[in-house]
PDB file of all heavy atoms in Angstrom:
ATOM      1  N   PRO A   1      54.414  -5.741 155.125  1.00  0.00           N
ATOM      2  CA  PRO A   1      54.066  -6.010 156.524  1.00  0.00           C
ATOM      3  C   PRO A   1      55.075  -5.370 157.468  1.00  0.00           C
ATOM      4  O   PRO A   1      56.238  -5.174 157.109  1.00  0.00           O
ATOM      5  CB  PRO A   1      54.111  -7.540 156.603  1.00  0.00           C
ATOM      6  CG  PRO A   1      55.027  -7.956 155.498  1.00  0.00           C
ATOM      7  CD  PRO A   1      54.803  -6.956 154.396  1.00  0.00           C
ATOM      8  N   PRO A   2      54.647  -5.040 158.688  1.00  0.00           N
ATOM      9  CA  PRO A   2      55.553  -4.388 159.640  1.00  0.00           C
ATOM     10  C   PRO A   2      56.752  -5.243 160.033  1.00  0.00           C
ATOM     11  O   PRO A   2      57.811  -4.720 160.355  1.00  0.00           O
ATOM     12  CB  PRO A   2      54.647  -4.104 160.843  1.00  0.00           C
ATOM     13  CG  PRO A   2      53.460  -5.003 160.664  1.00  0.00           C
ATOM     14  CD  PRO A   2      53.297  -5.161 159.191  1.00  0.00           C
ATOM     15  N   ASP A   3      56.614  -6.578 160.013  1.00  0.00           N
ATOM     16  CA  ASP A   3      57.743  -7.473 160.260  1.00  0.00           C
ATOM     17  C   ASP A   3      57.406  -8.842 159.673  1.00  0.00           C
ATOM     18  O   ASP A   3      56.270  -9.095 159.259  1.00  0.00           O
ATOM     19  CB  ASP A   3      58.076  -7.581 161.753  1.00  0.00           C
ATOM     20  CG  ASP A   3      56.907  -8.107 162.559  1.00  0.00           C
ATOM     21  OD1 ASP A   3      56.538  -9.284 162.387  1.00  0.00           O
ATOM     22  OD2 ASP A   3      56.351  -7.335 163.369  1.00  0.00           O
ATOM     23  N   SER A   4      58.389  -9.730 159.640  1.00  0.00           N
ATOM     24  CA  SER A   4      58.232 -11.009 158.950  1.00  0.00           C
ATOM     25  C   SER A   4      57.207 -11.931 159.600  1.00  0.00           C
ATOM     26  O   SER A   4      56.658 -12.813 158.954  1.00  0.00           O
ATOM     27  CB  SER A   4      59.591 -11.724 158.869  1.00  0.00           C
ATOM     28  OG  SER A   4      60.096 -11.965 160.173  1.00  0.00           O
ATOM     29  N   ASP A   5      56.939 -11.752 160.905  1.00  0.00           N
ATOM     30  CA  ASP A   5      56.006 -12.620 161.605  1.00  0.00           C
ATOM     31  C   ASP A   5      54.637 -11.972 161.814  1.00  0.00           C
ATOM     32  O   ASP A   5      53.789 -12.528 162.521  1.00  0.00           O
ATOM     33  CB  ASP A   5      56.578 -13.021 162.966  1.00  0.00           C
ATOM     34  CG  ASP A   5      57.765 -13.971 162.828  1.00  0.00           C
ATOM     35  OD1 ASP A   5      57.743 -14.777 161.873  1.00  0.00           O
ATOM     36  OD2 ASP A   5      58.677 -13.898 163.660  1.00  0.00           O
ATOM     37  N   ALA A   6      54.417 -10.807 161.201  1.00  0.00           N
ATOM     38  CA  ALA A   6      53.169 -10.081 161.463  1.00  0.00           C
ATOM     39  C   ALA A   6      51.941 -10.883 161.050  1.00  0.00           C
ATOM     40  O   ALA A   6      50.976 -10.997 161.812  1.00  0.00           O
ATOM     41  CB  ALA A   6      53.194  -8.735 160.740  1.00  0.00           C
ATOM     42  N   LEU A   7      51.967 -11.451 159.844  1.00  0.00           N
ATOM     43  CA  LEU A   7      50.809 -12.199 159.376  1.00  0.00           C
ATOM     44  C   LEU A   7      50.554 -13.414 160.262  1.00  0.00           C
ATOM     45  O   LEU A   7      49.410 -13.716 160.620  1.00  0.00           O
ATOM     46  CB  LEU A   7      51.003 -12.628 157.924  1.00  0.00           C
ATOM     47  CG  LEU A   7      49.831 -13.401 157.297  1.00  0.00           C
ATOM     48  CD1 LEU A   7      48.555 -12.581 157.353  1.00  0.00           C
ATOM     49  CD2 LEU A   7      50.159 -13.780 155.853  1.00  0.00           C
ATOM     50  N   ARG A   8      51.620 -14.117 160.626  1.00  0.00           N
ATOM     51  CA  ARG A   8      51.472 -15.295 161.485  1.00  0.00           C
ATOM     52  C   ARG A   8      50.837 -14.923 162.818  1.00  0.00           C
ATOM     53  O   ARG A   8      49.949 -15.630 163.325  1.00  0.00           O
ATOM     54  CB  ARG A   8      52.841 -15.931 161.723  1.00  0.00           C
ATOM     55  CG  ARG A   8      52.796 -17.199 162.562  1.00  0.00           C
ATOM     56  CD  ARG A   8      54.179 -17.755 162.778  1.00  0.00           C
ATOM     57  NE  ARG A   8      54.853 -18.044 161.535  1.00  0.00           N
ATOM     58  CZ  ARG A   8      56.118 -18.439 161.440  1.00  0.00           C
ATOM     59  NH1 ARG A   8      56.844 -18.576 162.556  1.00  0.00           N
ATOM     60  NH2 ARG A   8      56.654 -18.684 160.271  1.00  0.00           N
ATOM     61  N   SER A   9      51.240 -13.796 163.365  1.00  0.00           N
ATOM     62  CA  SER A   9      50.693 -13.345 164.650  1.00  0.00           C
ATOM     63  C   SER A   9      49.205 -13.035 164.544  1.00  0.00           C
ATOM     64  O   SER A   9      48.402 -13.409 165.415  1.00  0.00           O
ATOM     65  CB  SER A   9      51.449 -12.108 165.139  1.00  0.00           C
ATOM     66  OG  SER A   9      52.808 -12.400 165.371  1.00  0.00           O
ATOM     67  N   HIS A  10      48.821 -12.364 163.471  1.00  0.00           N
ATOM     68  CA  HIS A  10      47.413 -12.011 163.309  1.00  0.00           C
ATOM     69  C   HIS A  10      46.560 -13.237 162.994  1.00  0.00           C
ATOM     70  O   HIS A  10      45.395 -13.308 163.412  1.00  0.00           O
ATOM     71  CB  HIS A  10      47.265 -10.950 162.228  1.00  0.00           C
ATOM     72  CG  HIS A  10      47.770  -9.602 162.657  1.00  0.00           C
ATOM     73  ND1 HIS A  10      47.180  -8.874 163.677  1.00  0.00           N
ATOM     74  CD2 HIS A  10      48.817  -8.842 162.207  1.00  0.00           C
ATOM     75  CE1 HIS A  10      47.833  -7.730 163.833  1.00  0.00           C
ATOM     76  NE2 HIS A  10      48.822  -7.692 162.961  1.00  0.00           N
ATOM     77  N   LEU A  11      47.123 -14.216 162.289  1.00  0.00           N
ATOM     78  CA  LEU A  11      46.409 -15.464 162.062  1.00  0.00           C
ATOM     79  C   LEU A  11      46.185 -16.204 163.381  1.00  0.00           C
ATOM     80  O   LEU A  11      45.107 -16.775 163.611  1.00  0.00           O
ATOM     81  CB  LEU A  11      47.199 -16.359 161.095  1.00  0.00           C
ATOM     82  CG  LEU A  11      47.055 -16.044 159.607  1.00  0.00           C
ATOM     83  CD1 LEU A  11      48.142 -16.757 158.820  1.00  0.00           C
ATOM     84  CD2 LEU A  11      45.678 -16.460 159.089  1.00  0.00           C
ATOM     85  N   TYR A  12      47.186 -16.187 164.243  1.00  0.00           N
ATOM     86  CA  TYR A  12      47.049 -16.813 165.555  1.00  0.00           C
ATOM     87  C   TYR A  12      45.927 -16.147 166.349  1.00  0.00           C
ATOM     88  O   TYR A  12      45.070 -16.827 166.938  1.00  0.00           O
ATOM     89  CB  TYR A  12      48.371 -16.713 166.328  1.00  0.00           C
ATOM     90  CG  TYR A  12      48.278 -17.211 167.750  1.00  0.00           C
ATOM     91  CD1 TYR A  12      48.357 -18.572 168.042  1.00  0.00           C
ATOM     92  CD2 TYR A  12      48.097 -16.318 168.800  1.00  0.00           C
ATOM     93  CE1 TYR A  12      48.253 -19.035 169.354  1.00  0.00           C
ATOM     94  CE2 TYR A  12      47.995 -16.764 170.108  1.00  0.00           C
ATOM     95  CZ  TYR A  12      48.074 -18.120 170.379  1.00  0.00           C
ATOM     96  OH  TYR A  12      47.970 -18.574 171.671  1.00  0.00           O
ATOM     97  N   ASN A  13      45.904 -14.811 166.340  1.00  0.00           N
ATOM     98  CA  ASN A  13      44.861 -14.086 167.070  1.00  0.00           C
ATOM     99  C   ASN A  13      43.472 -14.379 166.493  1.00  0.00           C
ATOM    100  O   ASN A  13      42.495 -14.518 167.244  1.00  0.00           O
ATOM    101  CB  ASN A  13      45.135 -12.580 167.024  1.00  0.00           C
ATOM    102  CG  ASN A  13      46.354 -12.193 167.828  1.00  0.00           C
ATOM    103  OD1 ASN A  13      46.737 -12.897 168.769  1.00  0.00           O
ATOM    104  ND2 ASN A  13      46.971 -11.071 167.476  1.00  0.00           N
ATOM    105  N   LEU A  14      43.387 -14.469 165.165  1.00  0.00           N
ATOM    106  CA  LEU A  14      42.108 -14.781 164.530  1.00  0.00           C
ATOM    107  C   LEU A  14      41.633 -16.169 164.938  1.00  0.00           C
ATOM    108  O   LEU A  14      40.450 -16.376 165.261  1.00  0.00           O
ATOM    109  CB  LEU A  14      42.240 -14.683 163.010  1.00  0.00           C
ATOM    110  CG  LEU A  14      41.000 -15.089 162.203  1.00  0.00           C
ATOM    111  CD1 LEU A  14      39.807 -14.205 162.552  1.00  0.00           C
ATOM    112  CD2 LEU A  14      41.297 -15.016 160.700  1.00  0.00           C
ATOM    113  N   ARG A  15      42.541 -17.130 164.937  1.00  0.00           N
ATOM    114  CA  ARG A  15      42.173 -18.498 165.321  1.00  0.00           C
ATOM    115  C   ARG A  15      41.741 -18.558 166.793  1.00  0.00           C
ATOM    116  O   ARG A  15      40.815 -19.299 167.148  1.00  0.00           O
ATOM    117  CB  ARG A  15      43.338 -19.447 165.060  1.00  0.00           C
ATOM    118  CG  ARG A  15      43.578 -19.730 163.571  1.00  0.00           C
ATOM    119  CD  ARG A  15      44.731 -20.686 163.375  1.00  0.00           C
ATOM    120  NE  ARG A  15      44.816 -21.168 162.020  1.00  0.00           N
ATOM    121  CZ  ARG A  15      45.875 -20.988 161.226  1.00  0.00           C
ATOM    122  NH1 ARG A  15      46.945 -20.331 161.673  1.00  0.00           N
ATOM    123  NH2 ARG A  15      45.878 -21.459 159.990  1.00  0.00           N
ATOM    124  N   GLN A  16      42.426 -17.809 167.651  1.00  0.00           N
ATOM    125  CA  GLN A  16      42.051 -17.804 169.070  1.00  0.00           C
ATOM    126  C   GLN A  16      40.626 -17.300 169.259  1.00  0.00           C
ATOM    127  O   GLN A  16      39.879 -17.816 170.092  1.00  0.00           O
ATOM    128  CB  GLN A  16      43.023 -16.925 169.863  1.00  0.00           C
ATOM    129  CG  GLN A  16      44.420 -17.506 170.028  1.00  0.00           C
ATOM    130  CD  GLN A  16      44.415 -18.738 170.918  1.00  0.00           C
ATOM    131  OE1 GLN A  16      44.495 -19.861 170.436  1.00  0.00           O
ATOM    132  NE2 GLN A  16      44.302 -18.531 172.213  1.00  0.00           N
ATOM    133  N   ALA A  17      40.240 -16.302 168.479  1.00  0.00           N
ATOM    134  CA  ALA A  17      38.909 -15.708 168.640  1.00  0.00           C
ATOM    135  C   ALA A  17      37.829 -16.465 167.888  1.00  0.00           C
ATOM    136  O   ALA A  17      36.713 -16.640 168.387  1.00  0.00           O
ATOM    137  CB  ALA A  17      38.939 -14.249 168.170  1.00  0.00           C
ATOM    138  N   LEU A  18      38.158 -16.941 166.677  1.00  0.00           N
ATOM    139  CA  LEU A  18      37.142 -17.511 165.795  1.00  0.00           C
ATOM    140  C   LEU A  18      37.041 -19.029 165.903  1.00  0.00           C
ATOM    141  O   LEU A  18      35.963 -19.594 165.704  1.00  0.00           O
ATOM    142  CB  LEU A  18      37.453 -17.130 164.343  1.00  0.00           C
ATOM    143  CG  LEU A  18      36.416 -17.512 163.291  1.00  0.00           C
ATOM    144  CD1 LEU A  18      35.143 -16.694 163.490  1.00  0.00           C
ATOM    145  CD2 LEU A  18      36.967 -17.288 161.886  1.00  0.00           C
ATOM    146  N   ASP A  19      38.144 -19.702 166.210  1.00  0.00           N
ATOM    147  CA  ASP A  19      38.173 -21.168 166.208  1.00  0.00           C
ATOM    148  C   ASP A  19      38.124 -21.794 167.597  1.00  0.00           C
ATOM    149  O   ASP A  19      37.324 -22.704 167.858  1.00  0.00           O
ATOM    150  CB  ASP A  19      39.426 -21.666 165.488  1.00  0.00           C
ATOM    151  CG  ASP A  19      39.370 -21.421 163.982  1.00  0.00           C
ATOM    152  OD1 ASP A  19      38.265 -21.165 163.469  1.00  0.00           O
ATOM    153  OD2 ASP A  19      40.423 -21.493 163.331  1.00  0.00           O
ATOM    154  N   ARG A  20      38.978 -21.329 168.475  1.00  0.00           N
ATOM    155  CA  ARG A  20      39.151 -22.000 169.770  1.00  0.00           C
ATOM    156  C   ARG A  20      37.845 -22.135 170.563  1.00  0.00           C
ATOM    157  O   ARG A  20      37.565 -23.221 171.099  1.00  0.00           O
ATOM    158  CB  ARG A  20      40.201 -21.265 170.590  1.00  0.00           C
ATOM    159  CG  ARG A  20      40.562 -21.990 171.884  1.00  0.00           C
ATOM    160  CD  ARG A  20      41.713 -21.308 172.590  1.00  0.00           C
ATOM    161  NE  ARG A  20      42.073 -22.014 173.821  1.00  0.00           N
ATOM    162  CZ  ARG A  20      43.020 -21.627 174.651  1.00  0.00           C
ATOM    163  NH1 ARG A  20      43.719 -20.527 174.369  1.00  0.00           N
ATOM    164  NH2 ARG A  20      43.280 -22.312 175.736  1.00  0.00           N
ATOM    165  N   PRO A  21      36.990 -21.103 170.649  1.00  0.00           N
ATOM    166  CA  PRO A  21      35.780 -21.250 171.464  1.00  0.00           C
ATOM    167  C   PRO A  21      34.739 -22.200 170.877  1.00  0.00           C
ATOM    168  O   PRO A  21      33.792 -22.576 171.568  1.00  0.00           O
ATOM    169  CB  PRO A  21      35.221 -19.812 171.509  1.00  0.00           C
ATOM    170  CG  PRO A  21      36.362 -18.925 171.130  1.00  0.00           C
ATOM    171  CD  PRO A  21      37.155 -19.724 170.151  1.00  0.00           C
ATOM    172  N   PHE A  22      34.903 -22.603 169.611  1.00  0.00           N
ATOM    173  CA  PHE A  22      33.855 -23.361 168.940  1.00  0.00           C
ATOM    174  C   PHE A  22      34.208 -24.837 168.719  1.00  0.00           C
ATOM    175  O   PHE A  22      33.437 -25.569 168.111  1.00  0.00           O
ATOM    176  CB  PHE A  22      33.507 -22.703 167.609  1.00  0.00           C
ATOM    177  CG  PHE A  22      32.917 -21.335 167.779  1.00  0.00           C
ATOM    178  CD1 PHE A  22      33.728 -20.213 167.833  1.00  0.00           C
ATOM    179  CD2 PHE A  22      31.546 -21.178 167.931  1.00  0.00           C
ATOM    180  CE1 PHE A  22      33.179 -18.950 168.015  1.00  0.00           C
ATOM    181  CE2 PHE A  22      30.990 -19.917 168.107  1.00  0.00           C
ATOM    182  CZ  PHE A  22      31.816 -18.803 168.158  1.00  0.00           C
ATOM    183  N   GLY A  23      35.385 -25.242 169.188  1.00  0.00           N
ATOM    184  CA  GLY A  23      35.705 -26.663 169.174  1.00  0.00           C
ATOM    185  C   GLY A  23      36.306 -27.196 167.895  1.00  0.00           C
ATOM    186  O   GLY A  23      36.871 -28.285 167.892  1.00  0.00           O
ATOM    187  N   HIS A  24      36.193 -26.481 166.784  1.00  0.00           N
ATOM    188  CA  HIS A  24      36.842 -26.925 165.545  1.00  0.00           C
ATOM    189  C   HIS A  24      37.268 -25.701 164.745  1.00  0.00           C
ATOM    190  O   HIS A  24      36.579 -24.683 164.713  1.00  0.00           O
ATOM    191  CB  HIS A  24      35.928 -27.829 164.707  1.00  0.00           C
ATOM    192  CG  HIS A  24      34.654 -27.170 164.270  1.00  0.00           C
ATOM    193  ND1 HIS A  24      33.508 -27.213 165.024  1.00  0.00           N
ATOM    194  CD2 HIS A  24      34.353 -26.458 163.161  1.00  0.00           C
ATOM    195  CE1 HIS A  24      32.538 -26.570 164.404  1.00  0.00           C
ATOM    196  NE2 HIS A  24      33.022 -26.088 163.267  1.00  0.00           N
ATOM    197  N   GLY A  25      38.436 -25.819 164.137  1.00  0.00           N
ATOM    198  CA  GLY A  25      39.001 -24.698 163.405  1.00  0.00           C
ATOM    199  C   GLY A  25      38.517 -24.632 161.970  1.00  0.00           C
ATOM    200  O   GLY A  25      38.281 -25.660 161.335  1.00  0.00           O
ATOM    201  N   VAL A  26      38.380 -23.413 161.477  1.00  0.00           N
ATOM    202  CA  VAL A  26      38.013 -23.214 160.069  1.00  0.00           C
ATOM    203  C   VAL A  26      39.079 -22.410 159.324  1.00  0.00           C
ATOM    204  O   VAL A  26      39.120 -22.434 158.089  1.00  0.00           O
ATOM    205  CB  VAL A  26      36.637 -22.523 159.937  1.00  0.00           C
ATOM    206  CG1 VAL A  26      35.554 -23.414 160.517  1.00  0.00           C
ATOM    207  CG2 VAL A  26      36.622 -21.145 160.590  1.00  0.00           C
ATOM    208  N   VAL A  27      39.920 -21.692 160.052  1.00  0.00           N
ATOM    209  CA  VAL A  27      41.013 -20.946 159.423  1.00  0.00           C
ATOM    210  C   VAL A  27      42.146 -21.928 159.163  1.00  0.00           C
ATOM    211  O   VAL A  27      42.763 -22.446 160.087  1.00  0.00           O
ATOM    212  CB  VAL A  27      41.486 -19.784 160.318  1.00  0.00           C
ATOM    213  CG1 VAL A  27      42.626 -19.027 159.629  1.00  0.00           C
ATOM    214  CG2 VAL A  27      40.332 -18.848 160.639  1.00  0.00           C
TER     215      VAL A  27
END
């Protein structure tokens, strides 16, 4: 990975797009 927090950052972005608008998280 490009840095130690890269995966965490991309998981956050995925949750913002996939989970937040729908009221419940799946990731």
